[in-house]
Amino acid sequence: MAIIVNLDVMMAKRKKGLTELAGEVDITLANLSILKNNKAKAVRFSTLESICKALDCQPGDILEYVPDEEKESEGVL
C-alpha cells in the first residue's frame, strides 16, 4: 500500500501515549494500535478528524503517500 500512517511520529511530537489518545478519540486501544503500526486497511474520516483534533494537526501530518517504487528502494516492503 502506498499510504503510510505516521501516527506514531505525531504522537511522539505531542507527547501522547496510545492509551491517552485512545481515550480522547474514543477508539479501542487495539484499533488505534493497528492504525499506529500501519496495519490498517482503512480509516473513517470521523476517526481521522478526532485524531487530528486530539493531536492538533492536519490529516497530512498523519497520512503520507509514498509510491511503491520508493518503498521498495527504502526496504519498507
PDB file of N, CA and C in Angstrom:
ATOM      1  N   MET A   1       0.851  -1.181   0.000  1.00  0.00           N
ATOM      2  CA  MET A   1       0.000   0.000   0.000  1.00  0.00           C
ATOM      3  C   MET A   1       0.886   1.230   0.000  1.00  0.00           C
ATOM      4  N   ALA A   2       0.499   2.231  -0.744  1.00  0.00           N
ATOM      5  CA  ALA A   2       1.314   3.423  -0.917  1.00  0.00           C
ATOM      6  C   ALA A   2       1.008   4.516   0.106  1.00  0.00           C
ATOM      7  N   ILE A   3       0.084   4.268   1.028  1.00  0.00           N
ATOM      8  CA  ILE A   3      -0.223   5.253   2.062  1.00  0.00           C
ATOM      9  C   ILE A   3       0.441   4.805   3.362  1.00  0.00           C
ATOM     10  N   ILE A   4       1.261   5.668   3.916  1.00  0.00           N
ATOM     11  CA  ILE A   4       1.962   5.391   5.165  1.00  0.00           C
ATOM     12  C   ILE A   4       1.298   6.203   6.271  1.00  0.00           C
ATOM     13  N   VAL A   5       1.063   5.568   7.408  1.00  0.00           N
ATOM     14  CA  VAL A   5       0.460   6.240   8.558  1.00  0.00           C
ATOM     15  C   VAL A   5       1.582   6.616   9.526  1.00  0.00           C
ATOM     16  N   ASN A   6       1.748   7.913   9.734  1.00  0.00           N
ATOM     17  CA  ASN A   6       2.795   8.427  10.624  1.00  0.00           C
ATOM     18  C   ASN A   6       2.224   8.845  11.979  1.00  0.00           C
ATOM     19  N   LEU A   7       1.249   8.089  12.459  1.00  0.00           N
ATOM     20  CA  LEU A   7       0.597   8.417  13.719  1.00  0.00           C
ATOM     21  C   LEU A   7       1.588   8.389  14.874  1.00  0.00           C
ATOM     22  N   ASP A   8       2.493   7.430  14.868  1.00  0.00           N
ATOM     23  CA  ASP A   8       3.489   7.331  15.947  1.00  0.00           C
ATOM     24  C   ASP A   8       4.368   8.575  16.024  1.00  0.00           C
ATOM     25  N   VAL A   9       4.681   9.164  14.881  1.00  0.00           N
ATOM     26  CA  VAL A   9       5.511  10.373  14.840  1.00  0.00           C
ATOM     27  C   VAL A   9       4.769  11.541  15.484  1.00  0.00           C
ATOM     28  N   MET A  10       3.490  11.711  15.112  1.00  0.00           N
ATOM     29  CA  MET A  10       2.702  12.812  15.682  1.00  0.00           C
ATOM     30  C   MET A  10       2.453  12.604  17.171  1.00  0.00           C
ATOM     31  N   MET A  11       2.250  11.365  17.577  1.00  0.00           N
ATOM     32  CA  MET A  11       2.052  11.085  18.999  1.00  0.00           C
ATOM     33  C   MET A  11       3.306  11.441  19.792  1.00  0.00           C
ATOM     34  N   ALA A  12       4.454  11.130  19.245  1.00  0.00           N
ATOM     35  CA  ALA A  12       5.713  11.452  19.921  1.00  0.00           C
ATOM     36  C   ALA A  12       5.910  12.967  19.991  1.00  0.00           C
ATOM     37  N   LYS A  13       5.598  13.661  18.904  1.00  0.00           N
ATOM     38  CA  LYS A  13       5.735  15.120  18.891  1.00  0.00           C
ATOM     39  C   LYS A  13       4.829  15.777  19.929  1.00  0.00           C
ATOM     40  N   ARG A  14       3.644  15.208  20.118  1.00  0.00           N
ATOM     41  CA  ARG A  14       2.668  15.780  21.060  1.00  0.00           C
ATOM     42  C   ARG A  14       2.776  15.157  22.458  1.00  0.00           C
ATOM     43  N   LYS A  15       3.714  14.203  22.591  1.00  0.00           N
ATOM     44  CA  LYS A  15       3.935  13.509  23.865  1.00  0.00           C
ATOM     45  C   LYS A  15       2.649  12.883  24.404  1.00  0.00           C
ATOM     46  N   LYS A  16       1.969  12.154  23.514  1.00  0.00           N
ATOM     47  CA  LYS A  16       0.739  11.458  23.892  1.00  0.00           C
ATOM     48  C   LYS A  16       0.944   9.968  23.718  1.00  0.00           C
ATOM     49  N   GLY A  17       0.521   9.217  24.698  1.00  0.00           N
ATOM     50  CA  GLY A  17       0.601   7.768  24.635  1.00  0.00           C
ATOM     51  C   GLY A  17      -0.621   7.176  23.970  1.00  0.00           C
ATOM     52  N   LEU A  18      -0.527   5.900  23.657  1.00  0.00           N
ATOM     53  CA  LEU A  18      -1.593   5.186  22.977  1.00  0.00           C
ATOM     54  C   LEU A  18      -2.875   5.182  23.806  1.00  0.00           C
ATOM     55  N   THR A  19      -2.760   4.897  25.092  1.00  0.00           N
ATOM     56  CA  THR A  19      -3.932   4.829  25.962  1.00  0.00           C
ATOM     57  C   THR A  19      -4.616   6.187  26.081  1.00  0.00           C
ATOM     58  N   GLU A  20      -3.810   7.236  26.244  1.00  0.00           N
ATOM     59  CA  GLU A  20      -4.363   8.590  26.363  1.00  0.00           C
ATOM     60  C   GLU A  20      -5.100   8.991  25.086  1.00  0.00           C
ATOM     61  N   LEU A  21      -4.461   8.757  23.942  1.00  0.00           N
ATOM     62  CA  LEU A  21      -5.079   9.122  22.666  1.00  0.00           C
ATOM     63  C   LEU A  21      -6.338   8.303  22.403  1.00  0.00           C
ATOM     64  N   ALA A  22      -6.291   7.018  22.703  1.00  0.00           N
ATOM     65  CA  ALA A  22      -7.464   6.155  22.500  1.00  0.00           C
ATOM     66  C   ALA A  22      -8.651   6.680  23.304  1.00  0.00           C
ATOM     67  N   GLY A  23      -8.410   7.128  24.518  1.00  0.00           N
ATOM     68  CA  GLY A  23      -9.479   7.685  25.343  1.00  0.00           C
ATOM     69  C   GLY A  23     -10.041   8.970  24.780  1.00  0.00           C
ATOM     70  N   GLU A  24      -9.170   9.840  24.278  1.00  0.00           N
ATOM     71  CA  GLU A  24      -9.612  11.125  23.714  1.00  0.00           C
ATOM     72  C   GLU A  24     -10.379  10.938  22.404  1.00  0.00           C
ATOM     73  N   VAL A  25      -9.970   9.964  21.623  1.00  0.00           N
ATOM     74  CA  VAL A  25     -10.568   9.745  20.304  1.00  0.00           C
ATOM     75  C   VAL A  25     -11.776   8.814  20.399  1.00  0.00           C
ATOM     76  N   ASP A  26     -11.901   8.118  21.504  1.00  0.00           N
ATOM     77  CA  ASP A  26     -12.969   7.138  21.709  1.00  0.00           C
ATOM     78  C   ASP A  26     -12.876   6.012  20.685  1.00  0.00           C
ATOM     79  N   ILE A  27     -11.698   5.396  20.637  1.00  0.00           N
ATOM     80  CA  ILE A  27     -11.418   4.258  19.774  1.00  0.00           C
ATOM     81  C   ILE A  27     -10.744   3.210  20.653  1.00  0.00           C
ATOM     82  N   THR A  28     -10.930   1.957  20.326  1.00  0.00           N
ATOM     83  CA  THR A  28     -10.315   0.925  21.157  1.00  0.00           C
ATOM     84  C   THR A  28      -8.799   0.989  21.020  1.00  0.00           C
ATOM     85  N   LEU A  29      -8.131   0.567  22.060  1.00  0.00           N
ATOM     86  CA  LEU A  29      -6.672   0.531  22.059  1.00  0.00           C
ATOM     87  C   LEU A  29      -6.157  -0.364  20.931  1.00  0.00           C
ATOM     88  N   ALA A  30      -6.843  -1.482  20.720  1.00  0.00           N
ATOM     89  CA  ALA A  30      -6.440  -2.420  19.661  1.00  0.00           C
ATOM     90  C   ALA A  30      -6.539  -1.776  18.279  1.00  0.00           C
ATOM     91  N   ASN A  31      -7.645  -1.077  18.017  1.00  0.00           N
ATOM     92  CA  ASN A  31      -7.815  -0.446  16.700  1.00  0.00           C
ATOM     93  C   ASN A  31      -6.838   0.703  16.494  1.00  0.00           C
ATOM     94  N   LEU A  32      -6.573   1.468  17.541  1.00  0.00           N
ATOM     95  CA  LEU A  32      -5.604   2.555  17.425  1.00  0.00           C
ATOM     96  C   LEU A  32      -4.206   1.993  17.189  1.00  0.00           C
ATOM     97  N   SER A  33      -3.901   0.898  17.838  1.00  0.00           N
ATOM     98  CA  SER A  33      -2.605   0.246  17.652  1.00  0.00           C
ATOM     99  C   SER A  33      -2.441  -0.253  16.220  1.00  0.00           C
ATOM    100  N   ILE A  34      -3.489  -0.811  15.653  1.00  0.00           N
ATOM    101  CA  ILE A  34      -3.463  -1.266  14.252  1.00  0.00           C
ATOM    102  C   ILE A  34      -3.172  -0.087  13.331  1.00  0.00           C
ATOM    103  N   LEU A  35      -3.813   1.031  13.586  1.00  0.00           N
ATOM    104  CA  LEU A  35      -3.591   2.228  12.782  1.00  0.00           C
ATOM    105  C   LEU A  35      -2.170   2.739  12.964  1.00  0.00           C
ATOM    106  N   LYS A  36      -1.716   2.810  14.203  1.00  0.00           N
ATOM    107  CA  LYS A  36      -0.382   3.325  14.522  1.00  0.00           C
ATOM    108  C   LYS A  36       0.722   2.462  13.891  1.00  0.00           C
ATOM    109  N   ASN A  37       0.498   1.165  13.839  1.00  0.00           N
ATOM    110  CA  ASN A  37       1.512   0.250  13.313  1.00  0.00           C
ATOM    111  C   ASN A  37       1.389   0.011  11.814  1.00  0.00           C
ATOM    112  N   ASN A  38       0.610   0.876  11.147  1.00  0.00           N
ATOM    113  CA  ASN A  38       0.491   0.839   9.690  1.00  0.00           C
ATOM    114  C   ASN A  38      -0.115  -0.472   9.177  1.00  0.00           C
ATOM    115  N   LYS A  39      -0.994  -1.082   9.952  1.00  0.00           N
ATOM    116  CA  LYS A  39      -1.628  -2.338   9.556  1.00  0.00           C
ATOM    117  C   LYS A  39      -3.075  -2.131   9.099  1.00  0.00           C
ATOM    118  N   ALA A  40      -3.602  -0.924   9.251  1.00  0.00           N
ATOM    119  CA  ALA A  40      -4.996  -0.646   8.887  1.00  0.00           C
ATOM    120  C   ALA A  40      -5.171  -0.599   7.379  1.00  0.00           C
ATOM    121  N   LYS A  41      -6.300  -1.074   6.923  1.00  0.00           N
ATOM    122  CA  LYS A  41      -6.642  -1.029   5.500  1.00  0.00           C
ATOM    123  C   LYS A  41      -7.513   0.177   5.176  1.00  0.00           C
ATOM    124  N   ALA A  42      -8.111   0.777   6.206  1.00  0.00           N
ATOM    125  CA  ALA A  42      -8.999   1.924   6.008  1.00  0.00           C
ATOM    126  C   ALA A  42      -9.107   2.698   7.313  1.00  0.00           C
ATOM    127  N   VAL A  43      -9.528   3.944   7.190  1.00  0.00           N
ATOM    128  CA  VAL A  43      -9.796   4.764   8.371  1.00  0.00           C
ATOM    129  C   VAL A  43     -10.994   5.663   8.047  1.00  0.00           C
ATOM    130  N   ARG A  44     -11.908   5.756   8.974  1.00  0.00           N
ATOM    131  CA  ARG A  44     -13.072   6.627   8.776  1.00  0.00           C
ATOM    132  C   ARG A  44     -12.633   8.083   8.901  1.00  0.00           C
ATOM    133  N   PHE A  45     -13.273   8.936   8.114  1.00  0.00           N
ATOM    134  CA  PHE A  45     -12.981  10.368   8.217  1.00  0.00           C
ATOM    135  C   PHE A  45     -13.291  10.885   9.617  1.00  0.00           C
ATOM    136  N   SER A  46     -14.331  10.369  10.245  1.00  0.00           N
ATOM    137  CA  SER A  46     -14.666  10.828  11.595  1.00  0.00           C
ATOM    138  C   SER A  46     -13.562  10.461  12.590  1.00  0.00           C
ATOM    139  N   THR A  47     -12.954   9.297  12.411  1.00  0.00           N
ATOM    140  CA  THR A  47     -11.841   8.892  13.273  1.00  0.00           C
ATOM    141  C   THR A  47     -10.630   9.764  12.999  1.00  0.00           C
ATOM    142  N   LEU A  48     -10.341   9.998  11.735  1.00  0.00           N
ATOM    143  CA  LEU A  48      -9.218  10.854  11.358  1.00  0.00           C
ATOM    144  C   LEU A  48      -9.415  12.257  11.909  1.00  0.00           C
ATOM    145  N   GLU A  49     -10.638  12.764  11.832  1.00  0.00           N
ATOM    146  CA  GLU A  49     -10.948  14.086  12.362  1.00  0.00           C
ATOM    147  C   GLU A  49     -10.703  14.132  13.874  1.00  0.00           C
ATOM    148  N   SER A  50     -11.144  13.115  14.585  1.00  0.00           N
ATOM    149  CA  SER A  50     -10.945  13.073  16.041  1.00  0.00           C
ATOM    150  C   SER A  50      -9.470  12.993  16.409  1.00  0.00           C
ATOM    151  N   ILE A  51      -8.708  12.227  15.646  1.00  0.00           N
ATOM    152  CA  ILE A  51      -7.267  12.113  15.895  1.00  0.00           C
ATOM    153  C   ILE A  51      -6.593  13.463  15.657  1.00  0.00           C
ATOM    154  N   CYS A  52      -6.954  14.111  14.557  1.00  0.00           N
ATOM    155  CA  CYS A  52      -6.363  15.425  14.250  1.00  0.00           C
ATOM    156  C   CYS A  52      -6.714  16.452  15.322  1.00  0.00           C
ATOM    157  N   LYS A  53      -7.934  16.392  15.820  1.00  0.00           N
ATOM    158  CA  LYS A  53      -8.346  17.312  16.883  1.00  0.00           C
ATOM    159  C   LYS A  53      -7.543  17.049  18.156  1.00  0.00           C
ATOM    160  N   ALA A  54      -7.397  15.784  18.530  1.00  0.00           N
ATOM    161  CA  ALA A  54      -6.682  15.417  19.753  1.00  0.00           C
ATOM    162  C   ALA A  54      -5.188  15.746  19.668  1.00  0.00           C
ATOM    163  N   LEU A  55      -4.619  15.614  18.463  1.00  0.00           N
ATOM    164  CA  LEU A  55      -3.180  15.864  18.291  1.00  0.00           C
ATOM    165  C   LEU A  55      -2.884  17.265  17.755  1.00  0.00           C
ATOM    166  N   ASP A  56      -3.934  18.049  17.502  1.00  0.00           N
ATOM    167  CA  ASP A  56      -3.794  19.394  16.967  1.00  0.00           C
ATOM    168  C   ASP A  56      -2.914  19.390  15.719  1.00  0.00           C
ATOM    169  N   CYS A  57      -3.374  18.631  14.714  1.00  0.00           N
ATOM    170  CA  CYS A  57      -2.597  18.504  13.482  1.00  0.00           C
ATOM    171  C   CYS A  57      -3.536  18.396  12.286  1.00  0.00           C
ATOM    172  N   GLN A  58      -2.966  18.287  11.123  1.00  0.00           N
ATOM    173  CA  GLN A  58      -3.701  18.137   9.871  1.00  0.00           C
ATOM    174  C   GLN A  58      -3.619  16.672   9.416  1.00  0.00           C
ATOM    175  N   PRO A  59      -4.588  16.196   8.615  1.00  0.00           N
ATOM    176  CA  PRO A  59      -4.514  14.821   8.111  1.00  0.00           C
ATOM    177  C   PRO A  59      -3.197  14.523   7.393  1.00  0.00           C
ATOM    178  N   GLY A  60      -2.644  15.505   6.702  1.00  0.00           N
ATOM    179  CA  GLY A  60      -1.372  15.319   6.003  1.00  0.00           C
ATOM    180  C   GLY A  60      -0.187  15.122   6.933  1.00  0.00           C
ATOM    181  N   ASP A  61      -0.351  15.484   8.206  1.00  0.00           N
ATOM    182  CA  ASP A  61       0.703  15.229   9.188  1.00  0.00           C
ATOM    183  C   ASP A  61       0.725  13.758   9.581  1.00  0.00           C
ATOM    184  N   ILE A  62      -0.395  13.072   9.371  1.00  0.00           N
ATOM    185  CA  ILE A  62      -0.528  11.672   9.769  1.00  0.00           C
ATOM    186  C   ILE A  62      -0.415  10.729   8.577  1.00  0.00           C
ATOM    187  N   LEU A  63      -1.000  11.118   7.448  1.00  0.00           N
ATOM    188  CA  LEU A  63      -1.011  10.266   6.260  1.00  0.00           C
ATOM    189  C   LEU A  63      -0.015  10.777   5.228  1.00  0.00           C
ATOM    190  N   GLU A  64       0.713   9.852   4.632  1.00  0.00           N
ATOM    191  CA  GLU A  64       1.727  10.210   3.637  1.00  0.00           C
ATOM    192  C   GLU A  64       1.636   9.237   2.460  1.00  0.00           C
ATOM    193  N   TYR A  65       1.698   9.775   1.254  1.00  0.00           N
ATOM    194  CA  TYR A  65       1.714   8.945   0.056  1.00  0.00           C
ATOM    195  C   TYR A  65       3.153   8.684  -0.350  1.00  0.00           C
ATOM    196  N   VAL A  66       3.496   7.408  -0.473  1.00  0.00           N
ATOM    197  CA  VAL A  66       4.830   7.015  -0.927  1.00  0.00           C
ATOM    198  C   VAL A  66       4.631   6.010  -2.067  1.00  0.00           C
ATOM    199  N   PRO A  67       5.064   6.371  -3.274  1.00  0.00           N
ATOM    200  CA  PRO A  67       4.913   5.438  -4.400  1.00  0.00           C
ATOM    201  C   PRO A  67       5.579   4.096  -4.086  1.00  0.00           C
ATOM    202  N   ASP A  68       5.006   3.018  -4.595  1.00  0.00           N
ATOM    203  CA  ASP A  68       5.520   1.678  -4.324  1.00  0.00           C
ATOM    204  C   ASP A  68       6.982   1.517  -4.694  1.00  0.00           C
ATOM    205  N   GLU A  69       7.433   2.170  -5.756  1.00  0.00           N
ATOM    206  CA  GLU A  69       8.839   2.049  -6.162  1.00  0.00           C
ATOM    207  C   GLU A  69       9.758   2.590  -5.065  1.00  0.00           C
ATOM    208  N   GLU A  70       9.371   3.705  -4.447  1.00  0.00           N
ATOM    209  CA  GLU A  70      10.169   4.309  -3.369  1.00  0.00           C
ATOM    210  C   GLU A  70      10.215   3.372  -2.169  1.00  0.00           C
ATOM    211  N   LYS A  71       9.089   2.762  -1.834  1.00  0.00           N
ATOM    212  CA  LYS A  71       9.034   1.871  -0.687  1.00  0.00           C
ATOM    213  C   LYS A  71       9.964   0.693  -0.903  1.00  0.00           C
ATOM    214  N   GLU A  72      10.000   0.166  -2.131  1.00  0.00           N
ATOM    215  CA  GLU A  72      10.889  -0.970  -2.428  1.00  0.00           C
ATOM    216  C   GLU A  72      12.349  -0.578  -2.251  1.00  0.00           C
ATOM    217  N   SER A  73      12.720   0.617  -2.743  1.00  0.00           N
ATOM    218  CA  SER A  73      14.119   1.030  -2.637  1.00  0.00           C
ATOM    219  C   SER A  73      14.518   1.356  -1.209  1.00  0.00           C
ATOM    220  N   GLU A  74      13.542   1.746  -0.370  1.00  0.00           N
ATOM    221  CA  GLU A  74      13.829   2.054   1.028  1.00  0.00           C
ATOM    222  C   GLU A  74      13.740   0.828   1.915  1.00  0.00           C
ATOM    223  N   GLY A  75      13.313  -0.302   1.360  1.00  0.00           N
ATOM    224  CA  GLY A  75      13.206  -1.520   2.127  1.00  0.00           C
ATOM    225  C   GLY A  75      11.980  -1.577   3.023  1.00  0.00           C
ATOM    226  N   VAL A  76      10.963  -0.763   2.723  1.00  0.00           N
ATOM    227  CA  VAL A  76       9.746  -0.731   3.537  1.00  0.00           C
ATOM    228  C   VAL A  76       8.891  -1.946   3.259  1.00  0.00           C
ATOM    229  N   LEU A  77       8.914  -2.465   2.042  1.00  0.00           N
ATOM    230  CA  LEU A  77       8.040  -3.603   1.685  1.00  0.00           C
ATOM    231  C   LEU A  77       8.457  -4.856   2.312  1.00  0.00           C
TER     232      LEU A  77
END
